[in-house]
Amino acid sequence: PPYPPTEDKRLAEMEQNEPKRRLIRDAKALAKIRKIS
């Protein structure tokens, strides 16, 4: 099978998406606090 992406590339992708992940986590937490679906 084709080789997986290198660690550097994978880490770069994770770092690039981290602000989005943080934003989504905050939104999930607020929805849970407000008890909305």
PDB file of all heavy atoms in Angstrom:
ATOM      1  N   PRO A   1       0.836  -1.201   0.000  1.00  0.00           N
ATOM      2  CA  PRO A   1       0.000   0.000   0.000  1.00  0.00           C
ATOM      3  C   PRO A   1       0.871   1.252   0.000  1.00  0.00           C
ATOM      4  O   PRO A   1       2.034   1.204   0.387  1.00  0.00           O
ATOM      5  CB  PRO A   1      -0.779  -0.120   1.312  1.00  0.00           C
ATOM      6  CG  PRO A   1       0.008  -1.048   2.155  1.00  0.00           C
ATOM      7  CD  PRO A   1       0.738  -1.966   1.215  1.00  0.00           C
ATOM      8  N   PRO A   2       0.314   2.368  -0.478  1.00  0.00           N
ATOM      9  CA  PRO A   2       1.119   3.597  -0.509  1.00  0.00           C
ATOM     10  C   PRO A   2       1.553   3.987   0.897  1.00  0.00           C
ATOM     11  O   PRO A   2       0.866   3.716   1.882  1.00  0.00           O
ATOM     12  CB  PRO A   2       0.172   4.638  -1.108  1.00  0.00           C
ATOM     13  CG  PRO A   2      -1.178   4.069  -0.973  1.00  0.00           C
ATOM     14  CD  PRO A   2      -1.035   2.574  -0.939  1.00  0.00           C
ATOM     15  N   TYR A   3       2.694   4.603   0.967  1.00  0.00           N
ATOM     16  CA  TYR A   3       3.241   4.984   2.262  1.00  0.00           C
ATOM     17  C   TYR A   3       2.417   6.098   2.888  1.00  0.00           C
ATOM     18  O   TYR A   3       1.912   6.969   2.195  1.00  0.00           O
ATOM     19  CB  TYR A   3       4.694   5.445   2.114  1.00  0.00           C
ATOM     20  CG  TYR A   3       5.608   4.334   1.716  1.00  0.00           C
ATOM     21  CD1 TYR A   3       6.090   4.231   0.433  1.00  0.00           C
ATOM     22  CD2 TYR A   3       5.981   3.366   2.638  1.00  0.00           C
ATOM     23  CE1 TYR A   3       6.923   3.191   0.058  1.00  0.00           C
ATOM     24  CE2 TYR A   3       6.809   2.334   2.282  1.00  0.00           C
ATOM     25  CZ  TYR A   3       7.286   2.240   0.997  1.00  0.00           C
ATOM     26  OH  TYR A   3       8.107   1.215   0.646  1.00  0.00           O
ATOM     27  N   PRO A   4       2.254   6.063   4.224  1.00  0.00           N
ATOM     28  CA  PRO A   4       1.509   7.136   4.894  1.00  0.00           C
ATOM     29  C   PRO A   4       2.289   8.442   4.825  1.00  0.00           C
ATOM     30  O   PRO A   4       3.498   8.433   4.621  1.00  0.00           O
ATOM     31  CB  PRO A   4       1.405   6.648   6.341  1.00  0.00           C
ATOM     32  CG  PRO A   4       2.545   5.707   6.500  1.00  0.00           C
ATOM     33  CD  PRO A   4       2.771   5.080   5.141  1.00  0.00           C
ATOM     34  N   PRO A   5       1.597   9.567   4.984  1.00  0.00           N
ATOM     35  CA  PRO A   5       2.323  10.841   4.945  1.00  0.00           C
ATOM     36  C   PRO A   5       3.359  10.899   6.065  1.00  0.00           C
ATOM     37  O   PRO A   5       3.217  10.271   7.103  1.00  0.00           O
ATOM     38  CB  PRO A   5       1.244  11.895   5.128  1.00  0.00           C
ATOM     39  CG  PRO A   5       0.083  11.180   5.698  1.00  0.00           C
ATOM     40  CD  PRO A   5       0.188   9.753   5.256  1.00  0.00           C
ATOM     41  N   THR A   6       4.377  11.659   5.846  1.00  0.00           N
ATOM     42  CA  THR A   6       5.430  11.754   6.853  1.00  0.00           C
ATOM     43  C   THR A   6       4.894  12.419   8.106  1.00  0.00           C
ATOM     44  O   THR A   6       3.862  13.108   8.085  1.00  0.00           O
ATOM     45  CB  THR A   6       6.616  12.574   6.320  1.00  0.00           C
ATOM     46  OG1 THR A   6       6.151  13.900   6.032  1.00  0.00           O
ATOM     47  CG2 THR A   6       7.211  11.957   5.067  1.00  0.00           C
ATOM     48  N   GLU A   7       5.602  12.225   9.188  1.00  0.00           N
ATOM     49  CA  GLU A   7       5.173  12.794  10.462  1.00  0.00           C
ATOM     50  C   GLU A   7       5.093  14.317  10.395  1.00  0.00           C
ATOM     51  O   GLU A   7       4.181  14.923  10.940  1.00  0.00           O
ATOM     52  CB  GLU A   7       6.140  12.386  11.577  1.00  0.00           C
ATOM     53  CG  GLU A   7       5.928  10.991  12.080  1.00  0.00           C
ATOM     54  CD  GLU A   7       4.567  10.802  12.727  1.00  0.00           C
ATOM     55  OE1 GLU A   7       4.203  11.599  13.612  1.00  0.00           O
ATOM     56  OE2 GLU A   7       3.865   9.880  12.318  1.00  0.00           O
ATOM     57  N   ASP A   8       6.062  14.951   9.724  1.00  0.00           N
ATOM     58  CA  ASP A   8       6.064  16.409   9.643  1.00  0.00           C
ATOM     59  C   ASP A   8       4.812  16.922   8.946  1.00  0.00           C
ATOM     60  O   ASP A   8       4.200  17.893   9.392  1.00  0.00           O
ATOM     61  CB  ASP A   8       7.307  16.899   8.893  1.00  0.00           C
ATOM     62  CG  ASP A   8       8.588  16.574   9.641  1.00  0.00           C
ATOM     63  OD1 ASP A   8       8.521  16.432  10.884  1.00  0.00           O
ATOM     64  OD2 ASP A   8       9.642  16.472   8.994  1.00  0.00           O
ATOM     65  N   LYS A   9       4.428  16.259   7.864  1.00  0.00           N
ATOM     66  CA  LYS A   9       3.246  16.691   7.111  1.00  0.00           C
ATOM     67  C   LYS A   9       1.981  16.507   7.959  1.00  0.00           C
ATOM     68  O   LYS A   9       1.121  17.384   8.010  1.00  0.00           O
ATOM     69  CB  LYS A   9       3.134  15.889   5.823  1.00  0.00           C
ATOM     70  CG  LYS A   9       1.996  16.314   4.948  1.00  0.00           C
ATOM     71  CD  LYS A   9       1.964  15.526   3.665  1.00  0.00           C
ATOM     72  CE  LYS A   9       0.772  15.913   2.814  1.00  0.00           C
ATOM     73  NZ  LYS A   9       0.663  15.116   1.607  1.00  0.00           N
ATOM     74  N   ARG A  10       1.904  15.363   8.653  1.00  0.00           N
ATOM     75  CA  ARG A  10       0.731  15.085   9.489  1.00  0.00           C
ATOM     76  C   ARG A  10       0.629  16.095  10.629  1.00  0.00           C
ATOM     77  O   ARG A  10      -0.443  16.623  10.922  1.00  0.00           O
ATOM     78  CB  ARG A  10       0.831  13.669  10.051  1.00  0.00           C
ATOM     79  CG  ARG A  10      -0.428  13.197  10.741  1.00  0.00           C
ATOM     80  CD  ARG A  10      -0.308  11.746  11.137  1.00  0.00           C
ATOM     81  NE  ARG A  10       0.659  11.541  12.188  1.00  0.00           N
ATOM     82  CZ  ARG A  10       0.392  11.687  13.484  1.00  0.00           C
ATOM     83  NH1 ARG A  10      -0.802  12.055  13.882  1.00  0.00           N
ATOM     84  NH2 ARG A  10       1.316  11.484  14.391  1.00  0.00           N
ATOM     85  N   LEU A  11       1.765  16.405  11.257  1.00  0.00           N
ATOM     86  CA  LEU A  11       1.754  17.387  12.341  1.00  0.00           C
ATOM     87  C   LEU A  11       1.396  18.778  11.838  1.00  0.00           C
ATOM     88  O   LEU A  11       0.685  19.529  12.518  1.00  0.00           O
ATOM     89  CB  LEU A  11       3.113  17.408  13.035  1.00  0.00           C
ATOM     90  CG  LEU A  11       3.436  16.180  13.882  1.00  0.00           C
ATOM     91  CD1 LEU A  11       4.869  16.239  14.378  1.00  0.00           C
ATOM     92  CD2 LEU A  11       2.470  16.051  15.041  1.00  0.00           C
ATOM     93  N   ALA A  12       1.867  19.129  10.648  1.00  0.00           N
ATOM     94  CA  ALA A  12       1.530  20.430  10.068  1.00  0.00           C
ATOM     95  C   ALA A  12       0.025  20.539   9.827  1.00  0.00           C
ATOM     96  O   ALA A  12      -0.577  21.586  10.096  1.00  0.00           O
ATOM     97  CB  ALA A  12       2.301  20.641   8.770  1.00  0.00           C
ATOM     98  N   GLU A  13      -0.592  19.453   9.327  1.00  0.00           N
ATOM     99  CA  GLU A  13      -2.041  19.453   9.106  1.00  0.00           C
ATOM    100  C   GLU A  13      -2.796  19.592  10.427  1.00  0.00           C
ATOM    101  O   GLU A  13      -3.784  20.316  10.517  1.00  0.00           O
ATOM    102  CB  GLU A  13      -2.468  18.170   8.396  1.00  0.00           C
ATOM    103  CG  GLU A  13      -2.051  18.103   6.946  1.00  0.00           C
ATOM    104  CD  GLU A  13      -2.356  16.754   6.313  1.00  0.00           C
ATOM    105  OE1 GLU A  13      -2.888  15.861   7.004  1.00  0.00           O
ATOM    106  OE2 GLU A  13      -2.038  16.603   5.129  1.00  0.00           O
ATOM    107  N   MET A  14      -2.311  18.912  11.462  1.00  0.00           N
ATOM    108  CA  MET A  14      -2.967  19.005  12.767  1.00  0.00           C
ATOM    109  C   MET A  14      -2.855  20.410  13.334  1.00  0.00           C
ATOM    110  O   MET A  14      -3.825  20.953  13.880  1.00  0.00           O
ATOM    111  CB  MET A  14      -2.357  17.989  13.737  1.00  0.00           C
ATOM    112  CG  MET A  14      -2.746  16.562  13.451  1.00  0.00           C
ATOM    113  SD  MET A  14      -1.927  15.367  14.514  1.00  0.00           S
ATOM    114  CE  MET A  14      -2.555  15.809  16.105  1.00  0.00           C
ATOM    115  N   GLU A  15      -1.679  21.014  13.202  1.00  0.00           N
ATOM    116  CA  GLU A  15      -1.491  22.371  13.708  1.00  0.00           C
ATOM    117  C   GLU A  15      -2.358  23.369  12.950  1.00  0.00           C
ATOM    118  O   GLU A  15      -2.871  24.317  13.524  1.00  0.00           O
ATOM    119  CB  GLU A  15      -0.016  22.769  13.611  1.00  0.00           C
ATOM    120  CG  GLU A  15       0.859  22.073  14.624  1.00  0.00           C
ATOM    121  CD  GLU A  15       2.338  22.349  14.421  1.00  0.00           C
ATOM    122  OE1 GLU A  15       2.681  23.173  13.544  1.00  0.00           O
ATOM    123  OE2 GLU A  15       3.139  21.735  15.129  1.00  0.00           O
ATOM    124  N   GLN A  16      -2.511  23.133  11.653  1.00  0.00           N
ATOM    125  CA  GLN A  16      -3.325  24.031  10.834  1.00  0.00           C
ATOM    126  C   GLN A  16      -4.789  23.966  11.270  1.00  0.00           C
ATOM    127  O   GLN A  16      -5.475  24.985  11.286  1.00  0.00           O
ATOM    128  CB  GLN A  16      -3.199  23.640   9.364  1.00  0.00           C
ATOM    129  CG  GLN A  16      -4.000  24.504   8.425  1.00  0.00           C
ATOM    130  CD  GLN A  16      -3.891  24.023   6.984  1.00  0.00           C
ATOM    131  OE1 GLN A  16      -3.269  23.004   6.709  1.00  0.00           O
ATOM    132  NE2 GLN A  16      -4.491  24.756   6.078  1.00  0.00           N
ATOM    133  N   ASN A  17      -5.276  22.796  11.651  1.00  0.00           N
ATOM    134  CA  ASN A  17      -6.680  22.634  12.031  1.00  0.00           C
ATOM    135  C   ASN A  17      -6.937  22.878  13.516  1.00  0.00           C
ATOM    136  O   ASN A  17      -8.084  22.876  13.946  1.00  0.00           O
ATOM    137  CB  ASN A  17      -7.168  21.226  11.661  1.00  0.00           C
ATOM    138  CG  ASN A  17      -7.329  21.057  10.169  1.00  0.00           C
ATOM    139  OD1 ASN A  17      -7.671  22.004   9.466  1.00  0.00           O
ATOM    140  ND2 ASN A  17      -7.071  19.869   9.677  1.00  0.00           N
ATOM    141  N   GLU A  18      -5.895  23.092  14.312  1.00  0.00           N
ATOM    142  CA  GLU A  18      -6.085  23.245  15.756  1.00  0.00           C
ATOM    143  C   GLU A  18      -6.982  24.431  16.131  1.00  0.00           C
ATOM    144  O   GLU A  18      -7.864  24.283  16.993  1.00  0.00           O
ATOM    145  CB  GLU A  18      -4.736  23.329  16.475  1.00  0.00           C
ATOM    146  CG  GLU A  18      -4.846  23.340  17.972  1.00  0.00           C
ATOM    147  CD  GLU A  18      -5.622  22.159  18.541  1.00  0.00           C
ATOM    148  OE1 GLU A  18      -5.572  21.054  17.960  1.00  0.00           O
ATOM    149  OE2 GLU A  18      -6.289  22.348  19.568  1.00  0.00           O
ATOM    150  N   PRO A  19      -6.844  25.609  15.509  1.00  0.00           N
ATOM    151  CA  PRO A  19      -7.779  26.700  15.865  1.00  0.00           C
ATOM    152  C   PRO A  19      -9.236  26.332  15.580  1.00  0.00           C
ATOM    153  O   PRO A  19     -10.135  26.691  16.360  1.00  0.00           O
ATOM    154  CB  PRO A  19      -7.325  27.865  14.984  1.00  0.00           C
ATOM    155  CG  PRO A  19      -5.911  27.563  14.624  1.00  0.00           C
ATOM    156  CD  PRO A  19      -5.812  26.077  14.592  1.00  0.00           C
ATOM    157  N   LYS A  20      -9.469  25.600  14.504  1.00  0.00           N
ATOM    158  CA  LYS A  20     -10.834  25.179  14.184  1.00  0.00           C
ATOM    159  C   LYS A  20     -11.334  24.193  15.229  1.00  0.00           C
ATOM    160  O   LYS A  20     -12.485  24.265  15.669  1.00  0.00           O
ATOM    161  CB  LYS A  20     -10.875  24.536  12.800  1.00  0.00           C
ATOM    162  CG  LYS A  20     -10.515  25.492  11.674  1.00  0.00           C
ATOM    163  CD  LYS A  20     -10.436  24.764  10.354  1.00  0.00           C
ATOM    164  CE  LYS A  20      -9.934  25.675   9.251  1.00  0.00           C
ATOM    165  NZ  LYS A  20      -9.789  25.001   7.978  1.00  0.00           N
ATOM    166  N   ARG A  21     -10.471  23.267  15.638  1.00  0.00           N
ATOM    167  CA  ARG A  21     -10.859  22.285  16.650  1.00  0.00           C
ATOM    168  C   ARG A  21     -11.189  22.976  17.972  1.00  0.00           C
ATOM    169  O   ARG A  21     -12.162  22.625  18.646  1.00  0.00           O
ATOM    170  CB  ARG A  21      -9.740  21.252  16.858  1.00  0.00           C
ATOM    171  CG  ARG A  21      -9.501  20.361  15.660  1.00  0.00           C
ATOM    172  CD  ARG A  21      -8.361  19.392  15.903  1.00  0.00           C
ATOM    173  NE  ARG A  21      -8.691  18.433  16.929  1.00  0.00           N
ATOM    174  CZ  ARG A  21      -9.312  17.263  16.715  1.00  0.00           C
ATOM    175  NH1 ARG A  21      -9.665  16.933  15.488  1.00  0.00           N
ATOM    176  NH2 ARG A  21      -9.572  16.450  17.708  1.00  0.00           N
ATOM    177  N   ARG A  22     -10.389  23.964  18.340  1.00  0.00           N
ATOM    178  CA  ARG A  22     -10.617  24.707  19.583  1.00  0.00           C
ATOM    179  C   ARG A  22     -11.960  25.439  19.517  1.00  0.00           C
ATOM    180  O   ARG A  22     -12.728  25.442  20.483  1.00  0.00           O
ATOM    181  CB  ARG A  22      -9.467  25.695  19.795  1.00  0.00           C
ATOM    182  CG  ARG A  22      -9.233  26.029  21.234  1.00  0.00           C
ATOM    183  CD  ARG A  22      -7.980  26.850  21.465  1.00  0.00           C
ATOM    184  NE  ARG A  22      -6.773  26.170  21.028  1.00  0.00           N
ATOM    185  CZ  ARG A  22      -5.885  26.684  20.180  1.00  0.00           C
ATOM    186  NH1 ARG A  22      -6.043  27.879  19.684  1.00  0.00           N
ATOM    187  NH2 ARG A  22      -4.812  26.001  19.843  1.00  0.00           N
ATOM    188  N   LEU A  23     -12.252  26.046  18.361  1.00  0.00           N
ATOM    189  CA  LEU A  23     -13.513  26.760  18.165  1.00  0.00           C
ATOM    190  C   LEU A  23     -14.698  25.808  18.298  1.00  0.00           C
ATOM    191  O   LEU A  23     -15.693  26.114  18.968  1.00  0.00           O
ATOM    192  CB  LEU A  23     -13.497  27.433  16.783  1.00  0.00           C
ATOM    193  CG  LEU A  23     -14.653  28.338  16.424  1.00  0.00           C
ATOM    194  CD1 LEU A  23     -14.660  29.563  17.324  1.00  0.00           C
ATOM    195  CD2 LEU A  23     -14.544  28.758  14.967  1.00  0.00           C
ATOM    196  N   ILE A  24     -14.580  24.641  17.688  1.00  0.00           N
ATOM    197  CA  ILE A  24     -15.667  23.653  17.753  1.00  0.00           C
ATOM    198  C   ILE A  24     -15.843  23.148  19.187  1.00  0.00           C
ATOM    199  O   ILE A  24     -16.976  22.998  19.663  1.00  0.00           O
ATOM    200  CB  ILE A  24     -15.387  22.489  16.780  1.00  0.00           C
ATOM    201  CG1 ILE A  24     -15.462  22.979  15.332  1.00  0.00           C
ATOM    202  CG2 ILE A  24     -16.365  21.348  16.997  1.00  0.00           C
ATOM    203  CD1 ILE A  24     -14.935  21.988  14.309  1.00  0.00           C
ATOM    204  N   ARG A  25     -14.731  22.896  19.890  1.00  0.00           N
ATOM    205  CA  ARG A  25     -14.826  22.447  21.289  1.00  0.00           C
ATOM    206  C   ARG A  25     -15.532  23.484  22.156  1.00  0.00           C
ATOM    207  O   ARG A  25     -16.364  23.155  23.008  1.00  0.00           O
ATOM    208  CB  ARG A  25     -13.431  22.150  21.846  1.00  0.00           C
ATOM    209  CG  ARG A  25     -12.879  20.808  21.440  1.00  0.00           C
ATOM    210  CD  ARG A  25     -11.678  20.413  22.274  1.00  0.00           C
ATOM    211  NE  ARG A  25     -10.575  21.344  22.128  1.00  0.00           N
ATOM    212  CZ  ARG A  25      -9.532  21.165  21.326  1.00  0.00           C
ATOM    213  NH1 ARG A  25      -9.449  20.079  20.592  1.00  0.00           N
ATOM    214  NH2 ARG A  25      -8.574  22.056  21.255  1.00  0.00           N
ATOM    215  N   ASP A  26     -15.206  24.763  21.929  1.00  0.00           N
ATOM    216  CA  ASP A  26     -15.865  25.833  22.687  1.00  0.00           C
ATOM    217  C   ASP A  26     -17.365  25.860  22.402  1.00  0.00           C
ATOM    218  O   ASP A  26     -18.181  26.035  23.309  1.00  0.00           O
ATOM    219  CB  ASP A  26     -15.246  27.197  22.354  1.00  0.00           C
ATOM    220  CG  ASP A  26     -13.824  27.347  22.873  1.00  0.00           C
ATOM    221  OD1 ASP A  26     -13.400  26.504  23.693  1.00  0.00           O
ATOM    222  OD2 ASP A  26     -13.142  28.290  22.445  1.00  0.00           O
ATOM    223  N   ALA A  27     -17.733  25.700  21.136  1.00  0.00           N
ATOM    224  CA  ALA A  27     -19.151  25.708  20.757  1.00  0.00           C
ATOM    225  C   ALA A  27     -19.877  24.516  21.379  1.00  0.00           C
ATOM    226  O   ALA A  27     -21.003  24.659  21.882  1.00  0.00           O
ATOM    227  CB  ALA A  27     -19.289  25.686  19.236  1.00  0.00           C
ATOM    228  N   LYS A  28     -19.247  23.339  21.375  1.00  0.00           N
ATOM    229  CA  LYS A  28     -19.860  22.153  21.997  1.00  0.00           C
ATOM    230  C   LYS A  28     -20.063  22.376  23.494  1.00  0.00           C
ATOM    231  O   LYS A  28     -21.116  22.033  24.045  1.00  0.00           O
ATOM    232  CB  LYS A  28     -18.971  20.917  21.777  1.00  0.00           C
ATOM    233  CG  LYS A  28     -19.028  20.356  20.378  1.00  0.00           C
ATOM    234  CD  LYS A  28     -17.976  19.286  20.148  1.00  0.00           C
ATOM    235  CE  LYS A  28     -18.353  17.967  20.701  1.00  0.00           C
ATOM    236  NZ  LYS A  28     -17.408  16.889  20.285  1.00  0.00           N
ATOM    237  N   ALA A  29     -19.049  22.962  24.140  1.00  0.00           N
ATOM    238  CA  ALA A  29     -19.147  23.196  25.580  1.00  0.00           C
ATOM    239  C   ALA A  29     -20.268  24.182  25.902  1.00  0.00           C
ATOM    240  O   ALA A  29     -21.034  23.983  26.858  1.00  0.00           O
ATOM    241  CB  ALA A  29     -17.815  23.718  26.113  1.00  0.00           C
ATOM    242  N   LEU A  30     -20.383  25.249  25.102  1.00  0.00           N
ATOM    243  CA  LEU A  30     -21.438  26.244  25.340  1.00  0.00           C
ATOM    244  C   LEU A  30     -22.819  25.633  25.121  1.00  0.00           C
ATOM    245  O   LEU A  30     -23.751  25.903  25.887  1.00  0.00           O
ATOM    246  CB  LEU A  30     -21.232  27.467  24.439  1.00  0.00           C
ATOM    247  CG  LEU A  30     -22.217  28.616  24.637  1.00  0.00           C
ATOM    248  CD1 LEU A  30     -22.175  29.132  26.077  1.00  0.00           C
ATOM    249  CD2 LEU A  30     -21.929  29.742  23.670  1.00  0.00           C
ATOM    250  N   ALA A  31     -22.952  24.797  24.085  1.00  0.00           N
ATOM    251  CA  ALA A  31     -24.244  24.149  23.837  1.00  0.00           C
ATOM    252  C   ALA A  31     -24.601  23.225  25.000  1.00  0.00           C
ATOM    253  O   ALA A  31     -25.768  23.135  25.395  1.00  0.00           O
ATOM    254  CB  ALA A  31     -24.198  23.362  22.531  1.00  0.00           C
ATOM    255  N   LYS A  32     -23.616  22.558  25.560  1.00  0.00           N
ATOM    256  CA  LYS A  32     -23.866  21.669  26.702  1.00  0.00           C
ATOM    257  C   LYS A  32     -24.282  22.478  27.928  1.00  0.00           C
ATOM    258  O   LYS A  32     -25.206  22.093  28.646  1.00  0.00           O
ATOM    259  CB  LYS A  32     -22.609  20.851  26.998  1.00  0.00           C
ATOM    260  CG  LYS A  32     -22.815  19.774  28.029  1.00  0.00           C
ATOM    261  CD  LYS A  32     -21.581  18.910  28.161  1.00  0.00           C
ATOM    262  CE  LYS A  32     -21.831  17.791  29.150  1.00  0.00           C
ATOM    263  NZ  LYS A  32     -20.687  16.896  29.275  1.00  0.00           N
ATOM    264  N   ILE A  33     -23.620  23.607  28.157  1.00  0.00           N
ATOM    265  CA  ILE A  33     -23.971  24.476  29.289  1.00  0.00           C
ATOM    266  C   ILE A  33     -25.387  25.009  29.127  1.00  0.00           C
ATOM    267  O   ILE A  33     -26.169  25.040  30.080  1.00  0.00           O
ATOM    268  CB  ILE A  33     -22.959  25.631  29.420  1.00  0.00           C
ATOM    269  CG1 ILE A  33     -21.601  25.093  29.877  1.00  0.00           C
ATOM    270  CG2 ILE A  33     -23.454  26.711  30.382  1.00  0.00           C
ATOM    271  CD1 ILE A  33     -20.465  26.104  29.765  1.00  0.00           C
ATOM    272  N   ARG A  34     -25.725  25.420  27.906  1.00  0.00           N
ATOM    273  CA  ARG A  34     -27.070  25.963  27.644  1.00  0.00           C
ATOM    274  C   ARG A  34     -28.125  24.866  27.567  1.00  0.00           C
ATOM    275  O   ARG A  34     -29.316  25.148  27.522  1.00  0.00           O
ATOM    276  CB  ARG A  34     -27.065  26.740  26.322  1.00  0.00           C
ATOM    277  CG  ARG A  34     -26.285  28.046  26.412  1.00  0.00           C
ATOM    278  CD  ARG A  34     -26.360  28.819  25.109  1.00  0.00           C
ATOM    279  NE  ARG A  34     -27.743  29.150  24.799  1.00  0.00           N
ATOM    280  CZ  ARG A  34     -28.217  29.281  23.554  1.00  0.00           C
ATOM    281  NH1 ARG A  34     -27.417  29.125  22.517  1.00  0.00           N
ATOM    282  NH2 ARG A  34     -29.468  29.584  23.349  1.00  0.00           N
ATOM    283  N   LYS A  35     -27.702  23.607  27.484  1.00  0.00           N
ATOM    284  CA  LYS A  35     -28.593  22.442  27.395  1.00  0.00           C
ATOM    285  C   LYS A  35     -29.514  22.531  26.180  1.00  0.00           C
ATOM    286  O   LYS A  35     -30.734  22.388  26.282  1.00  0.00           O
ATOM    287  CB  LYS A  35     -29.411  22.283  28.676  1.00  0.00           C
ATOM    288  CG  LYS A  35     -28.555  22.022  29.889  1.00  0.00           C
ATOM    289  CD  LYS A  35     -29.390  21.901  31.140  1.00  0.00           C
ATOM    290  CE  LYS A  35     -28.475  21.677  32.334  1.00  0.00           C
ATOM    291  NZ  LYS A  35     -29.177  21.672  33.589  1.00  0.00           N
ATOM    292  N   ILE A  36     -28.876  22.772  25.013  1.00  0.00           N
ATOM    293  CA  ILE A  36     -29.651  22.802  23.770  1.00  0.00           C
ATOM    294  C   ILE A  36     -29.196  21.652  22.876  1.00  0.00           C
ATOM    295  O   ILE A  36     -28.070  21.159  22.993  1.00  0.00           O
ATOM    296  CB  ILE A  36     -29.516  24.147  23.019  1.00  0.00           C
ATOM    297  CG1 ILE A  36     -28.062  24.403  22.594  1.00  0.00           C
ATOM    298  CG2 ILE A  36     -30.053  25.293  23.847  1.00  0.00           C
ATOM    299  CD1 ILE A  36     -27.894  25.588  21.671  1.00  0.00           C
ATOM    300  N   SER A  37     -30.083  21.249  21.986  1.00  0.00           N
ATOM    301  CA  SER A  37     -29.773  20.144  21.075  1.00  0.00           C
ATOM    302  C   SER A  37     -28.961  20.652  19.878  1.00  0.00           C
ATOM    303  O   SER A  37     -28.864  21.864  19.634  1.00  0.00           O
ATOM    304  CB  SER A  37     -31.066  19.503  20.572  1.00  0.00           C
ATOM    305  OG  SER A  37     -31.782  20.438  19.780  1.00  0.00           O
TER     306      SER A  37
END
